[in-house]
C-alpha atoms as a PDB file:
ATOM      1  CA  UNK A   1      86.120  83.100 121.373  1.00  0.00           C
ATOM      2  CA  UNK A   2      87.446  82.499 117.891  1.00  0.00           C
ATOM      3  CA  UNK A   3      91.183  83.070 117.759  1.00  0.00           C
ATOM      4  CA  UNK A   4      90.877  85.286 114.661  1.00  0.00           C
ATOM      5  CA  UNK A   5      89.896  88.208 116.909  1.00  0.00           C
ATOM      6  CA  UNK A   6      93.169  88.585 118.763  1.00  0.00           C
ATOM      7  CA  UNK A   7      94.729  91.871 119.863  1.00  0.00           C
ATOM      8  CA  UNK A   8      96.196  93.704 116.870  1.00  0.00           C
ATOM      9  CA  UNK A   9      93.944  92.119 114.216  1.00  0.00           C
ATOM     10  CA  UNK A  10      92.799  94.562 111.533  1.00  0.00           C
ATOM     11  CA  UNK A  11      89.061  94.201 110.848  1.00  0.00           C
ATOM     12  CA  UNK A  12      86.338  95.760 108.721  1.00  0.00           C
ATOM     13  CA  UNK A  13      83.197  97.037 110.444  1.00  0.00           C
ATOM     14  CA  UNK A  14      80.101  95.581 108.795  1.00  0.00           C
ATOM     15  CA  UNK A  15      77.246  97.427 110.512  1.00  0.00           C
ATOM     16  CA  UNK A  16      76.427 100.923 111.697  1.00  0.00           C
ATOM     17  CA  UNK A  17      77.564 104.350 110.623  1.00  0.00           C
ATOM     18  CA  UNK A  18      81.167 103.147 110.408  1.00  0.00           C
ATOM     19  CA  UNK A  19      80.334 100.230 108.079  1.00  0.00           C
ATOM     20  CA  UNK A  20      83.055  99.600 105.521  1.00  0.00           C
ATOM     21  CA  UNK A  21      85.767 101.280 107.595  1.00  0.00           C
ATOM     22  CA  UNK A  22      88.779  99.434 108.941  1.00  0.00           C
ATOM     23  CA  UNK A  23      89.699  99.190 112.609  1.00  0.00           C
ATOM     24  CA  UNK A  24      92.143  97.427 114.933  1.00  0.00           C
ATOM     25  CA  UNK A  25      91.212  95.164 117.868  1.00  0.00           C
ATOM     26  CA  UNK A  26      92.745  96.717 120.992  1.00  0.00           C
ATOM     27  CA  UNK A  27      91.240  94.577 123.768  1.00  0.00           C
ATOM     28  CA  UNK A  28      89.002  91.531 124.206  1.00  0.00           C
ATOM     29  CA  UNK A  29      86.026  91.995 126.557  1.00  0.00           C
ATOM     30  CA  UNK A  30      84.496  88.511 126.322  1.00  0.00           C
ATOM     31  CA  UNK A  31      83.588  85.933 123.676  1.00  0.00           C
ATOM     32  CA  UNK A  32      81.111  88.323 122.004  1.00  0.00           C
ATOM     33  CA  UNK A  33      82.655  91.782 122.351  1.00  0.00           C
ATOM     34  CA  UNK A  34      85.994  93.437 121.614  1.00  0.00           C
ATOM     35  CA  UNK A  35      87.304  97.001 121.923  1.00  0.00           C
ATOM     36  CA  UNK A  36      88.257  98.486 118.540  1.00  0.00           C
ATOM     37  CA  UNK A  37      89.788 101.744 117.359  1.00  0.00           C
ATOM     38  CA  UNK A  38      90.539 103.220 113.933  1.00  0.00           C
ATOM     39  CA  UNK A  39      92.215 105.280 115.262  1.00  0.00           C
ATOM     40  CA  UNK A  40      89.901 108.199 114.492  1.00  0.00           C
ATOM     41  CA  UNK A  41      92.739 110.304 113.050  1.00  0.00           C
ATOM     42  CA  UNK A  42      93.366 107.684 110.337  1.00  0.00           C
ATOM     43  CA  UNK A  43      90.078 105.923 109.546  1.00  0.00           C
ATOM     44  CA  UNK A  44      87.412 107.850 111.430  1.00  0.00           C
ATOM     45  CA  UNK A  45      86.502 104.925 113.711  1.00  0.00           C
ATOM     46  CA  UNK A  46      86.255 105.958 117.361  1.00  0.00           C
ATOM     47  CA  UNK A  47      87.401 103.676 120.161  1.00  0.00           C
ATOM     48  CA  UNK A  48      84.373 101.627 121.207  1.00  0.00           C
ATOM     49  CA  UNK A  49      83.051  98.209 122.058  1.00  0.00           C
ATOM     50  CA  UNK A  50      81.974  96.166 119.043  1.00  0.00           C
ATOM     51  CA  UNK A  51      80.160  92.874 118.640  1.00  0.00           C
ATOM     52  CA  UNK A  52      82.318  90.274 116.868  1.00  0.00           C
ATOM     53  CA  UNK A  53      79.345  89.490 114.596  1.00  0.00           C
ATOM     54  CA  UNK A  54      79.667  93.032 113.215  1.00  0.00           C
ATOM     55  CA  UNK A  55      83.358  92.636 112.327  1.00  0.00           C
ATOM     56  CA  UNK A  56      85.104  90.883 109.461  1.00  0.00           C
ATOM     57  CA  UNK A  57      88.766  90.025 110.188  1.00  0.00           C
ATOM     58  CA  UNK A  58      91.376  90.678 107.496  1.00  0.00           C
ATOM     59  CA  UNK A  59      94.748  89.059 106.892  1.00  0.00           C
ATOM     60  CA  UNK A  60      96.542  92.087 108.388  1.00  0.00           C
ATOM     61  CA  UNK A  61      97.781  92.102 111.970  1.00  0.00           C
ATOM     62  CA  UNK A  62      99.866  94.683 113.806  1.00  0.00           C
ATOM     63  CA  UNK A  63     101.932  94.102 116.931  1.00  0.00           C
ATOM     64  CA  UNK A  64     100.399  96.155 119.764  1.00  0.00           C
ATOM     65  CA  UNK A  65      99.990  95.639 123.484  1.00  0.00           C
ATOM     66  CA  UNK A  66      96.580  94.950 124.959  1.00  0.00           C
ATOM     67  CA  UNK A  67      94.828  98.264 125.725  1.00  0.00           C
ATOM     68  CA  UNK A  68      97.196 100.353 123.572  1.00  0.00           C
ATOM     69  CA  UNK A  69      96.319 104.037 123.146  1.00  0.00           C
ATOM     70  CA  UNK A  70      95.186 105.539 119.841  1.00  0.00           C
ATOM     71  CA  UNK A  71      98.568 107.264 119.419  1.00  0.00           C
ATOM     72  CA  UNK A  72     100.451 103.974 119.865  1.00  0.00           C
ATOM     73  CA  UNK A  73      98.168 102.220 117.361  1.00  0.00           C
ATOM     74  CA  UNK A  74      98.621 105.047 114.827  1.00  0.00           C
ATOM     75  CA  UNK A  75     102.434 104.828 115.116  1.00  0.00           C
ATOM     76  CA  UNK A  76     102.407 101.051 114.591  1.00  0.00           C
ATOM     77  CA  UNK A  77     100.079 101.338 111.569  1.00  0.00           C
ATOM     78  CA  UNK A  78     102.358 103.932 109.968  1.00  0.00           C
ATOM     79  CA  UNK A  79     105.460 101.855 110.721  1.00  0.00           C
ATOM     80  CA  UNK A  80     103.837  98.775 109.136  1.00  0.00           C
ATOM     81  CA  UNK A  81     102.920 100.753 106.003  1.00  0.00           C
ATOM     82  CA  UNK A  82      99.172 100.114 106.350  1.00  0.00           C
ATOM     83  CA  UNK A  83      98.060 103.754 106.437  1.00  0.00           C
ATOM     84  CA  UNK A  84      96.739 103.824 102.856  1.00  0.00           C
ATOM     85  CA  UNK A  85      95.031 100.440 103.247  1.00  0.00           C
ATOM     86  CA  UNK A  86      93.315 101.606 106.438  1.00  0.00           C
ATOM     87  CA  UNK A  87      92.186 104.939 104.930  1.00  0.00           C
ATOM     88  CA  UNK A  88      90.782 103.264 101.833  1.00  0.00           C
ATOM     89  CA  UNK A  89      88.404 100.978 103.709  1.00  0.00           C
ATOM     90  CA  UNK A  90      86.080  98.659 101.842  1.00  0.00           C
ATOM     91  CA  UNK A  91      83.496  99.749  99.303  1.00  0.00           C
ATOM     92  CA  UNK A  92      80.206  97.863  99.595  1.00  0.00           C
ATOM     93  CA  UNK A  93      79.155  95.854  96.574  1.00  0.00           C
ATOM     94  CA  UNK A  94      75.728  97.027  95.549  1.00  0.00           C
ATOM     95  CA  UNK A  95      73.866  94.962  93.039  1.00  0.00           C
ATOM     96  CA  UNK A  96      71.142  96.563  91.010  1.00  0.00           C
ATOM     97  CA  UNK A  97      67.858  94.754  91.291  1.00  0.00           C
ATOM     98  CA  UNK A  98      65.828  95.062  88.114  1.00  0.00           C
ATOM     99  CA  UNK A  99      62.438  96.641  88.648  1.00  0.00           C
ATOM    100  CA  UNK A 100      59.357  95.716  86.742  1.00  0.00           C
ATOM    101  CA  UNK A 101      56.677  98.282  86.042  1.00  0.00           C
ATOM    102  CA  UNK A 102      53.254  96.780  86.302  1.00  0.00           C
ATOM    103  CA  UNK A 103      50.505  98.923  84.896  1.00  0.00           C
ATOM    104  CA  UNK A 104      46.840  98.138  84.836  1.00  0.00           C
END
């Protein structure tokens, strides 16, 4: 397991309906899966298992215990001053592909 996905690491979800939203790693299941939470009251990300291939770690890290509850995570995020960063999330970069009209 890469060490970048340690407990307390703030990540961005890359796939699924929560893509672009930030979350916190709460527990490590194995080398491929971690438990993440938003918490839902701050970012809208529910506590769930996520594949590490669908997460992008950020430089932010909060000090939480393994298996911390959503309320504990929310308190630590507010104390660290990351509430606005977490709510903002990441906007996807969409590049316009030029289209060519072919008429016959």
